[in-house]
Amino acid sequence: MKEISFQELERAGREAAEKARADAWAVGLPYSYARDGKIIRVYPDGRRTEVIRDGSGNTTEINYPGM
């Protein structure tokens, strides 16, 4: 088995994430990522929301100003 470098692994992960985002948007779905302990959802129209879960597992989305 060939060993891969950290840089190769990082590149493969980045490419997989880019493909997943493109695939989601192609069918009109948002993609999500985590930043600073928050779940951020990005919609194809550019909207960003923060996903908040309460103790019961219910979710609410609020506007997330972004980067």
Protein backbone atom coordinates (compact mmCIF):
# COMPACT_ATOMS: atom_id res chain seq x y z
CA MET A 1 0.00 0.00 0.00
CA LYS A 2 1.34 3.40 -0.99
CA GLU A 3 1.71 5.95 1.76
CA ILE A 4 0.34 9.40 0.98
CA SER A 5 1.61 12.68 2.32
CA PHE A 6 -0.40 15.07 4.45
CA GLN A 7 -0.48 17.51 1.52
CA GLU A 8 -1.95 14.83 -0.78
CA LEU A 9 -4.55 13.91 1.82
CA GLU A 10 -5.43 17.56 2.38
CA ARG A 11 -5.79 18.15 -1.38
CA ALA A 12 -7.99 15.05 -1.79
CA GLY A 13 -10.23 16.25 1.06
CA ARG A 14 -10.50 19.73 -0.41
CA GLU A 15 -11.41 18.32 -3.84
CA ALA A 16 -14.03 16.01 -2.31
CA ALA A 17 -15.58 18.92 -0.39
CA GLU A 18 -15.70 21.09 -3.52
CA LYS A 19 -17.44 18.30 -5.46
CA ALA A 20 -19.95 17.74 -2.64
CA ARG A 21 -20.80 21.48 -2.58
CA ALA A 22 -21.21 21.59 -6.36
CA ASP A 23 -23.37 18.44 -6.35
CA ALA A 24 -25.61 19.82 -3.59
CA TRP A 25 -26.09 23.16 -5.31
CA ALA A 26 -26.74 21.47 -8.67
CA VAL A 27 -29.92 19.98 -7.19
CA GLY A 28 -30.84 23.11 -5.20
CA LEU A 29 -29.67 21.93 -1.77
CA PRO A 30 -27.52 23.79 0.76
CA TYR A 31 -24.23 22.53 2.14
CA SER A 32 -23.13 22.80 5.75
CA TYR A 33 -19.83 23.25 7.55
CA ALA A 34 -18.63 23.91 11.06
CA ARG A 35 -16.81 27.06 12.13
CA ASP A 36 -15.93 28.12 15.66
CA GLY A 37 -18.26 25.49 17.12
CA LYS A 38 -21.22 26.62 15.00
CA ILE A 39 -22.96 24.79 12.16
CA ILE A 40 -23.29 27.08 9.14
CA ARG A 41 -25.58 26.25 6.23
CA VAL A 42 -24.98 27.91 2.83
CA TYR A 43 -27.78 27.99 0.27
CA PRO A 44 -27.34 28.16 -3.51
CA ASP A 45 -28.66 31.76 -3.49
CA GLY A 46 -25.79 32.78 -1.19
CA ARG A 47 -27.76 32.96 2.06
CA ARG A 48 -25.92 31.73 5.15
CA THR A 49 -27.66 30.58 8.29
CA GLU A 50 -26.49 29.30 11.64
CA VAL A 51 -28.19 26.05 12.64
CA ILE A 52 -29.09 25.99 16.31
CA ARG A 53 -30.24 22.82 18.06
CA ASP A 54 -32.10 22.83 21.35
CA GLY A 55 -31.89 20.13 24.00
CA SER A 56 -34.68 18.15 22.33
CA GLY A 57 -32.89 17.99 18.98
CA ASN A 58 -35.13 20.54 17.27
CA THR A 59 -33.36 22.90 14.89
CA THR A 60 -33.77 26.57 14.14
CA GLU A 61 -31.88 28.61 11.57
CA ILE A 62 -30.93 32.24 12.05
CA ASN A 63 -29.20 34.59 9.63
CA TYR A 64 -25.43 34.28 9.77
CA PRO A 65 -23.60 37.39 8.61
CA GLY A 66 -20.65 35.37 7.54
CA MET A 67 -17.04 35.26 7.10
